[in-house]
Protein backbone atom coordinates (compact mmCIF):
# COMPACT_ATOMS: atom_id res chain seq x y z
CA MET A 1 3.73 18.82 -29.42
CA THR A 2 6.72 18.36 -31.74
CA GLU A 3 9.20 15.48 -31.39
CA VAL A 4 11.80 17.86 -29.98
CA GLN A 5 9.32 19.15 -27.41
CA GLN A 6 8.36 15.57 -26.49
CA LEU A 7 12.00 14.67 -25.92
CA GLU A 8 12.60 17.81 -23.86
CA SER A 9 9.56 16.99 -21.74
CA LEU A 10 10.77 13.41 -21.28
CA MET A 11 14.25 14.53 -20.22
CA ASN A 12 12.76 17.01 -17.77
CA GLU A 13 10.79 14.14 -16.26
CA MET A 14 13.57 11.54 -16.29
CA LEU A 15 16.72 13.38 -15.19
CA PRO A 16 15.88 15.55 -12.14
CA GLY A 17 16.46 13.80 -8.83
CA LEU A 18 18.68 11.02 -10.21
CA GLN A 19 20.17 8.75 -7.55
CA LEU A 20 22.92 6.19 -7.99
CA PHE A 21 22.08 2.64 -6.92
CA ALA A 22 24.37 -0.40 -6.92
CA ARG A 23 23.95 -4.07 -7.80
CA ASP A 24 27.12 -6.16 -7.51
CA ILE A 25 27.70 -9.38 -9.42
CA ASN A 26 30.38 -11.60 -10.94
CA LEU A 27 29.95 -11.57 -14.72
CA THR A 28 31.61 -13.80 -17.29
CA PRO A 29 33.46 -12.19 -20.22
CA GLU A 30 30.64 -13.41 -22.49
CA GLU A 31 28.02 -11.69 -20.33
CA VAL A 32 30.00 -8.44 -20.22
CA ALA A 33 30.26 -8.53 -24.01
CA CYS A 34 26.46 -8.28 -24.22
CA TYR A 35 26.61 -4.67 -23.06
CA ARG A 36 27.57 -1.89 -25.44
CA VAL A 37 27.51 1.81 -24.64
CA GLY A 38 24.43 3.44 -26.15
CA GLU A 39 22.31 0.29 -26.29
CA VAL A 40 19.06 -0.31 -24.41
CA VAL A 41 18.46 -3.52 -22.43
CA ARG A 42 15.23 -4.86 -20.92
CA ASN A 43 15.12 -6.84 -17.69
CA PRO A 44 11.96 -9.02 -17.52
CA ALA A 45 12.23 -9.55 -13.76
CA PHE A 46 12.18 -7.03 -10.93
CA THR A 47 15.63 -5.42 -10.67
CA ASP A 48 16.93 -5.36 -7.10
CA ALA A 49 19.56 -2.78 -6.15
CA THR A 50 20.74 -0.99 -3.03
CA CYS A 51 21.12 2.63 -2.06
CA ARG A 52 23.90 1.57 0.35
CA VAL A 53 26.98 1.75 -1.86
CA GLY A 54 30.24 0.44 -0.39
CA GLY A 55 33.24 -1.71 -1.21
CA MET A 56 32.97 -4.58 -3.69
CA VAL A 57 33.57 -8.29 -3.14
CA THR A 58 32.67 -9.03 -6.77
CA THR A 59 34.24 -8.23 -10.12
CA HIS A 60 31.38 -6.16 -11.53
CA ARG A 61 28.95 -3.52 -10.38
CA TYR A 62 25.85 -2.19 -12.08
CA GLY A 63 25.58 1.49 -11.27
CA ILE A 64 21.94 2.40 -11.89
CA LEU A 65 20.95 6.04 -12.27
CA SER A 66 17.24 6.42 -11.55
CA ASN A 67 14.65 8.80 -10.18
CA HIS A 68 11.86 6.22 -10.07
CA MET A 69 13.17 3.11 -8.32
CA MET A 70 10.72 1.87 -5.69
CA ASP A 71 12.17 2.29 -2.19
CA LEU A 72 11.21 -0.85 -0.27
CA SER A 73 13.70 -0.43 2.56
CA TYR A 74 10.79 0.44 4.87
CA ALA A 75 9.42 -3.09 4.38
CA GLU A 76 12.63 -4.87 5.35
CA HIS A 77 12.72 -6.86 8.56
CA GLY A 78 16.23 -6.41 9.89
CA THR A 79 18.06 -7.17 6.64
CA ASN A 80 19.17 -3.53 6.26
CA TRP A 81 19.79 -3.93 2.53
CA GLY A 82 18.56 -0.49 1.54
CA LEU A 83 16.38 -2.38 -0.93
CA CYS A 84 15.23 -0.49 -4.00
CA ILE A 85 13.53 -2.14 -6.98
CA ALA A 86 12.85 -1.34 -10.62
CA ASN A 87 9.62 -2.73 -12.06
CA ARG A 88 9.39 -5.84 -14.20
CA ASP A 89 10.31 -5.17 -17.83
CA SER A 90 12.24 -2.03 -16.99
CA HIS A 91 14.48 -0.68 -19.73
CA PHE A 92 17.98 0.66 -19.14
CA LYS A 93 20.35 2.53 -21.45
CA VAL A 94 24.04 1.66 -21.13
CA LEU A 95 25.90 4.92 -20.50
CA ASP A 96 29.39 3.70 -19.67
CA ILE A 97 31.54 0.62 -19.06
CA TYR A 98 34.52 1.46 -16.88
CA GLU A 99 37.23 -0.96 -15.69
CA HIS A 100 39.88 -0.26 -13.09
CA GLU A 101 42.27 -2.72 -11.46
CA GLY A 102 40.07 -5.76 -12.07
CA LYS A 103 36.76 -4.21 -11.14
CA THR A 104 34.21 -2.92 -13.64
CA GLN A 105 31.23 -0.59 -13.42
CA ILE A 106 28.44 -0.89 -15.98
CA LEU A 107 26.55 2.40 -15.73
CA LEU A 108 22.85 2.21 -16.62
CA LEU A 109 20.21 4.92 -16.96
CA HIS A 110 16.74 3.76 -15.87
CA LEU A 111 14.33 4.69 -18.67
CA PRO A 112 10.59 5.48 -18.32
CA ASP A 113 8.24 2.61 -17.44
CA ASP A 114 6.17 3.08 -20.59
CA TYR A 115 6.52 3.03 -24.38
CA ARG A 116 8.67 6.18 -24.36
CA TRP A 117 11.84 4.15 -23.81
CA LYS A 118 11.67 3.60 -27.58
CA TRP A 119 12.34 7.29 -28.16
CA LEU A 120 15.77 6.85 -26.55
CA GLU A 121 16.77 3.57 -28.18
CA ASP A 122 18.76 5.17 -31.02
CA LEU A 123 19.36 8.52 -29.38
CA THR A 124 22.64 9.72 -27.89
CA ILE A 125 21.81 11.18 -24.49
CA HIS A 126 23.77 14.23 -23.41
CA LEU A 127 23.60 14.20 -19.63
CA PRO A 128 23.95 17.38 -17.59
CA GLY A 129 27.43 18.32 -16.36
CA ASN A 130 30.01 15.57 -16.18
CA LEU A 131 27.63 12.94 -14.82
CA VAL A 132 29.42 9.92 -16.31
CA ASP A 133 32.78 11.17 -15.04
CA ASP A 134 31.24 11.82 -11.63
CA CYS A 135 29.91 8.24 -11.53
CA ARG A 136 33.37 6.93 -12.41
CA SER A 137 34.85 8.95 -9.54
CA ARG A 138 32.23 7.67 -7.11
CA PHE A 139 32.94 4.13 -8.30
CA LEU A 140 36.68 4.53 -7.60
CA ASN A 141 35.97 6.05 -4.19
CA LYS A 142 33.62 3.25 -3.14
CA ALA A 143 34.58 0.04 -4.96
CA PHE A 144 37.92 -0.47 -3.21
CA GLY A 145 36.72 0.60 0.21
CA GLU A 146 35.31 -1.38 3.11
CA PRO A 147 32.42 -3.65 2.05
CA ILE A 148 29.07 -3.17 3.77
CA PRO A 149 28.23 -6.54 5.42
CA GLU A 150 24.49 -6.48 4.70
CA VAL A 151 24.89 -5.89 0.95
CA THR A 152 27.73 -8.36 0.55
CA SER A 153 25.91 -11.12 2.44
CA GLU A 154 25.11 -14.46 0.83
CA ASP A 155 21.37 -13.72 0.79
CA TRP A 156 21.82 -10.36 -0.92
CA MET A 157 24.32 -11.66 -3.45
CA GLU A 158 21.89 -14.46 -4.35
CA ARG A 159 19.14 -11.88 -5.02
CA CYS A 160 21.48 -10.02 -7.35
CA GLY A 161 23.05 -13.06 -8.98
CA PHE A 162 21.39 -12.67 -12.39
CA PRO A 163 22.79 -10.33 -15.04
CA ILE A 164 20.46 -7.50 -16.00
CA GLY A 165 18.78 -8.11 -19.34
CA VAL A 166 20.69 -11.32 -20.16
CA ASP A 167 18.93 -14.69 -20.55
CA MET A 168 20.12 -18.16 -19.52
CA GLU A 169 21.78 -18.61 -22.91
CA GLY A 170 23.87 -15.50 -22.46
CA LYS A 171 21.89 -13.36 -24.90
CA LEU A 172 20.07 -10.08 -24.37
CA PHE A 173 16.30 -10.29 -24.06
CA SER A 174 14.33 -8.57 -26.79
CA ASN A 175 13.58 -4.98 -25.86
CA GLU A 176 10.01 -5.45 -26.99
CA ILE A 177 7.72 -7.38 -24.64
CA PRO A 178 6.09 -10.30 -26.48
CA ILE A 179 2.32 -9.98 -26.26
CA ALA A 180 1.94 -13.73 -25.75
CA GLN A 181 3.86 -13.46 -22.47
CA GLN A 182 1.47 -10.82 -21.16
CA MET A 183 -1.81 -12.56 -21.93
CA ARG A 184 -3.89 -14.20 -19.19
CA PRO A 185 -7.45 -15.51 -18.96
CA VAL A 186 -10.16 -12.91 -18.38
CA LYS A 187 -12.04 -15.32 -16.10
CA GLU A 188 -9.10 -15.41 -13.66
CA ALA A 189 -8.87 -11.63 -13.28
CA SER A 190 -10.39 -9.33 -10.67
CA PHE A 191 -12.49 -6.36 -11.72
CA ARG A 192 -9.50 -4.25 -10.68
CA SER A 193 -7.65 -5.38 -13.80
CA PHE A 194 -10.30 -3.63 -15.90
CA TYR A 195 -11.75 -0.82 -13.79
CA HIS A 196 -10.83 2.49 -15.41
CA GLU A 197 -8.08 0.65 -17.30
CA LEU A 198 -7.21 0.33 -20.96
CA VAL A 199 -6.75 -3.32 -21.96
CA TYR A 200 -6.21 -5.42 -25.05
CA ILE A 201 -8.47 -8.47 -25.31
CA ARG A 202 -8.16 -11.24 -27.90
CA CYS A 203 -11.70 -11.68 -29.18
CA ALA A 204 -11.71 -12.15 -32.96
CA ALA A 205 -15.02 -14.05 -32.94
CA LEU A 206 -16.69 -11.34 -30.85
CA ILE A 207 -15.68 -8.68 -33.36
CA GLU A 208 -17.41 -10.64 -36.12
CA ASP A 209 -20.54 -11.12 -33.99
CA VAL A 210 -20.90 -7.68 -32.42
CA MET A 211 -19.46 -5.31 -35.00
CA PRO A 212 -19.47 -7.05 -38.39
CA GLU A 213 -19.81 -3.74 -40.22
CA VAL A 214 -16.31 -2.64 -39.11
CA ALA A 215 -14.59 -6.05 -38.90
CA LYS A 216 -11.79 -6.94 -41.31
CA PRO A 217 -9.92 -10.18 -42.03
CA GLY A 218 -7.02 -10.66 -39.66
CA ASP A 219 -8.52 -8.74 -36.73
CA THR A 220 -7.45 -10.40 -33.50
CA GLY A 221 -8.93 -8.28 -30.73
CA LEU A 222 -10.03 -5.00 -29.24
CA VAL A 223 -8.47 -2.26 -27.18
CA LEU A 224 -11.14 -1.34 -24.64
CA TYR A 225 -11.70 0.99 -21.72
CA GLY A 226 -13.21 -0.71 -18.68
CA TYR A 227 -15.68 0.72 -16.18
CA ILE A 228 -18.53 -0.32 -13.86
CA ASP A 229 -22.10 0.25 -14.96
CA GLU A 230 -24.12 0.38 -11.73
CA GLU A 231 -26.81 -1.87 -13.20
CA ALA A 232 -24.92 -3.98 -15.76
CA GLY A 233 -21.65 -4.41 -13.85
CA VAL A 234 -18.16 -4.55 -15.35
CA SER A 235 -18.41 -3.20 -18.88
CA PHE A 236 -16.15 -2.03 -21.68
CA GLN A 237 -16.17 0.55 -24.43
CA PRO A 238 -14.14 -0.63 -27.45
CA LEU A 239 -11.92 2.16 -28.79
CA TRP A 240 -9.71 0.41 -31.33
CA ILE A 241 -9.81 -2.80 -33.35
CA ALA A 242 -6.40 -4.45 -33.32
CA LYS A 243 -4.34 -6.86 -35.36
CA GLU A 244 -1.79 -8.50 -33.10
CA GLY A 245 1.89 -8.82 -33.99
CA GLU A 246 4.60 -10.44 -31.90
CA SER A 247 5.03 -7.42 -29.66
CA THR A 248 2.94 -4.67 -31.24
CA LEU A 249 -0.66 -3.95 -32.16
CA ASP A 250 -1.73 -2.55 -35.50
CA MET A 251 -4.76 -0.54 -34.40
CA ARG A 252 -7.51 1.31 -36.22
CA LEU A 253 -9.93 3.62 -34.51
CA ILE A 254 -13.57 2.61 -34.20
CA PRO A 255 -15.67 5.42 -35.73
CA GLU A 256 -16.82 7.92 -33.13
CA GLU A 257 -20.42 7.79 -34.32
CA THR A 258 -20.48 4.01 -33.69
CA MET A 259 -21.01 3.16 -30.01
CA TYR A 260 -20.49 -0.38 -28.78
CA LEU A 261 -20.73 -1.64 -25.20
CA ILE A 262 -19.45 -5.04 -24.12
CA ARG A 263 -20.11 -6.79 -20.79
CA LEU A 264 -17.64 -8.92 -18.88
CA ALA A 265 -19.69 -12.08 -19.40
CA ASN A 266 -19.10 -11.79 -23.16
CA LEU A 267 -15.34 -11.98 -22.62
CA ASP A 268 -14.95 -14.81 -20.11
CA ASP A 269 -13.49 -17.19 -22.68
CA CYS A 270 -10.96 -14.62 -23.90
CA GLU A 271 -7.44 -13.62 -22.89
CA PHE A 272 -6.24 -10.11 -22.11
CA CYS A 273 -3.26 -8.06 -21.11
CA SER A 274 -3.40 -4.92 -19.05
CA CYS A 275 -0.42 -3.02 -17.61
CA SER A 276 -2.41 0.12 -18.49
CA MET A 277 -1.18 -0.38 -22.04
CA LYS A 278 2.17 1.18 -21.04
CA TRP A 279 3.94 -0.86 -23.68
CA ILE A 280 2.05 0.73 -26.55
CA GLU A 281 1.49 4.31 -27.62
CA VAL A 282 -2.13 5.37 -27.91
CA ASP A 283 -3.83 8.65 -28.70
CA SER A 284 -4.45 10.15 -25.26
CA TYR A 285 -7.21 12.37 -26.67
CA ILE A 286 -9.28 9.31 -27.60
CA VAL A 287 -8.79 7.74 -24.17
CA ASP A 288 -9.55 10.97 -22.30
CA ARG A 289 -12.70 11.49 -24.36
CA ALA A 290 -13.90 7.99 -23.48
CA ARG A 291 -13.15 8.60 -19.81
CA ARG A 292 -15.15 11.83 -19.82
CA VAL A 293 -18.17 10.29 -21.52
CA ILE A 294 -18.19 7.25 -19.23
CA ALA A 295 -17.71 9.40 -16.13
CA GLU A 296 -20.70 11.51 -17.16
CA VAL A 297 -23.03 8.73 -18.25
CA TYR A 298 -22.08 5.50 -16.44
CA ASP A 299 -19.80 6.10 -13.45
CA THR A 300 -21.42 6.30 -10.04
CA LYS A 301 -22.07 9.82 -8.82
CA SER A 302 -21.81 8.63 -5.21
CA LYS A 303 -18.40 9.26 -3.64
CA GLU A 304 -19.35 6.85 -0.86
CA LYS A 305 -20.01 4.02 -3.33
CA GLU A 306 -16.83 4.83 -5.22
CA GLU A 307 -14.93 4.54 -1.96
CA THR A 308 -16.37 1.06 -1.32
CA ARG A 309 -14.60 -0.14 -4.48
CA THR A 310 -11.23 0.70 -2.93
CA PHE A 311 -11.65 -1.83 -0.09
CA GLN A 312 -9.70 -4.82 -1.38
CA GLY A 313 -10.50 -6.77 1.78
CA LEU A 314 -14.06 -7.10 0.47
CA ASP A 315 -13.05 -8.47 -2.94
CA GLN A 316 -13.46 -12.14 -2.07
CA PHE A 317 -17.14 -11.53 -1.30
CA ARG A 318 -18.02 -9.49 -4.40
CA HIS A 319 -19.91 -10.82 -7.39
CA ARG A 320 -17.23 -11.13 -10.06
CA ALA A 321 -19.11 -9.31 -12.82
CA HIS A 322 -21.02 -6.97 -10.46
CA PRO A 323 -18.43 -5.92 -7.87
CA ASP A 324 -20.88 -3.69 -6.00
CA ASP A 325 -23.08 -6.73 -5.27
CA PHE A 326 -22.64 -9.09 -2.32
CA GLY A 327 -24.30 -12.38 -1.48
CA VAL A 328 -25.04 -11.66 2.18
CA ALA A 329 -25.82 -14.44 4.65
CA VAL A 330 -28.88 -13.16 6.53
CA TYR A 331 -29.51 -14.61 9.99
CA TYR A 332 -32.55 -13.87 12.15
CA GLU A 333 -32.90 -13.20 15.86
CA ASP A 334 -36.16 -15.10 15.53
CA LYS A 335 -34.78 -18.65 15.41
CA SER A 336 -37.95 -19.92 13.74
CA LYS A 337 -36.74 -18.19 10.57
CA ASP A 338 -34.17 -20.09 8.53
CA PRO A 339 -31.06 -18.17 7.45
CA GLU A 340 -30.91 -17.23 3.78
CA ARG A 341 -28.55 -15.61 1.30
CA LEU A 342 -29.73 -12.35 -0.25
CA TRP A 343 -28.06 -10.14 -2.84
CA VAL A 344 -27.21 -6.65 -1.62
CA ARG A 345 -25.78 -3.72 -3.61
CA ILE A 346 -23.32 -1.87 -1.40
CA SER A 347 -23.69 1.90 -1.00
CA ARG A 348 -21.24 2.90 1.74
CA VAL A 349 -18.87 1.69 4.45
CA GLU A 350 -18.79 3.14 7.96
CA GLY A 351 -16.03 1.69 10.12
CA ASN A 352 -16.43 -2.09 9.99
CA GLN A 353 -20.05 -1.86 8.88
CA CYS A 354 -21.25 -1.99 5.28
CA PHE A 355 -24.59 -0.67 4.10
CA GLY A 356 -26.42 -1.55 0.95
CA THR A 357 -29.75 -1.96 -0.82
CA LEU A 358 -31.47 -5.33 -1.10
CA LEU A 359 -31.88 -6.54 -4.68
CA MET A 360 -34.47 -9.20 -3.82
CA ASN A 361 -37.17 -10.08 -1.30
CA SER A 362 -36.64 -12.33 1.67
CA LYS A 363 -38.40 -15.70 1.48
CA HIS A 364 -39.99 -14.84 4.82
CA PRO A 365 -43.23 -12.83 4.48
CA ASP A 366 -42.19 -10.43 7.24
CA GLY A 367 -38.53 -10.42 6.22
CA PRO A 368 -36.65 -7.56 4.51
CA LYS A 369 -37.88 -6.48 1.10
CA GLU A 370 -36.25 -5.48 -2.17
CA GLY A 371 -35.15 -1.86 -1.89
CA ASP A 372 -34.65 -1.96 1.88
CA GLU A 373 -31.31 -0.78 3.25
CA ILE A 374 -29.55 -3.32 5.44
CA MET A 375 -26.27 -3.35 7.32
CA PHE A 376 -23.79 -6.20 6.92
CA ARG A 377 -20.25 -6.92 8.00
CA VAL A 378 -17.50 -9.50 7.59
CA LEU A 379 -17.64 -12.15 10.32
CA GLN A 380 -16.32 -15.62 10.95
CA ASN A 381 -18.97 -18.33 10.74
CA GLU A 382 -19.23 -21.49 12.82
CA ASN A 383 -16.93 -23.31 10.38
CA GLY A 384 -14.20 -20.73 10.89
CA GLU A 385 -14.76 -19.22 7.44
CA LEU A 386 -15.19 -15.54 6.72
CA GLU A 387 -18.47 -14.42 5.18
CA VAL A 388 -20.55 -11.27 4.87
CA VAL A 389 -23.36 -11.42 7.42
CA SER A 390 -26.44 -9.43 8.34
CA VAL A 391 -28.56 -10.06 11.44
CA GLN A 392 -32.25 -9.17 11.17
CA LYS A 393 -35.16 -9.43 13.61
């Protein structure tokens, strides 16, 4: 696809269904001066706005044109804000700054939530029709009208009291997201951060140990695709070796004929960032090829087992590196048998009952054996704690 075709595709994705949202605020002259028509700004925090546009009690209004704000109004509890939110680290392009009788609208276009915002950083966007003029007209029609009490309340104004993209020193945040701010310890992450995800992991020493034949001085980490091997647990296929910059990765492809597999335990002392790698452009062909190979060779073929991985309520009971495995507290109807904890590999969930295969023998000679299927469920024990429990004869 040519650059022109890519831009056309992006515009066809970004412009249809645009809605105008409002976020009112009192800005200082210094803060207003940060915004210039045509520039892109990044807001590190979630960006709250409302779909309920009325009269202003402030001096400034952000008018946000977007077709991918998250509508959270359904989750409100009587506030009636018409709450809509843009993701953390959203990018916005300043389309217009319009002042009339002491009130100003700063018109922003919500850019894609991935690396493609960069394509629009130095590009003049020609919007369909007279969209900017229409937004000015809507601003004049609404700004001097009757304010809507819910979205001019103290609580709402406090939520919207921070200028979009401007730091505490009155300067714009960098449009690039520093990698250091995204990194977190691997050992603190759930398997969900890695499962069928592309991640960057700092692991310079591991590169030297595992793949010395392709290592080079200055390598800082790997870009890997994560999956679950039914026997070996959370695993990764390295796709690129990376040299980390402040906000970018200089990546080189690992040769196709060279196949490396890395287990979660090898990475516990490392740091990673995920976000599905939306902040960096990768070759989708390479990623799709890895997905296909892993789906064919390593992914479970059982739809029932795959479904069990979607139950987040079970996460606290899973083995961290082997998320299909559960340490089940086994109690016996025969009170002469002491309870014990046995490892079970889950296979399916039916209602509130889980079923799985025992990975070990009971200590009781007539107890369940490795390979047996047993049923277990989440129950509250005598100490009031939740645990996974199976009752056997």
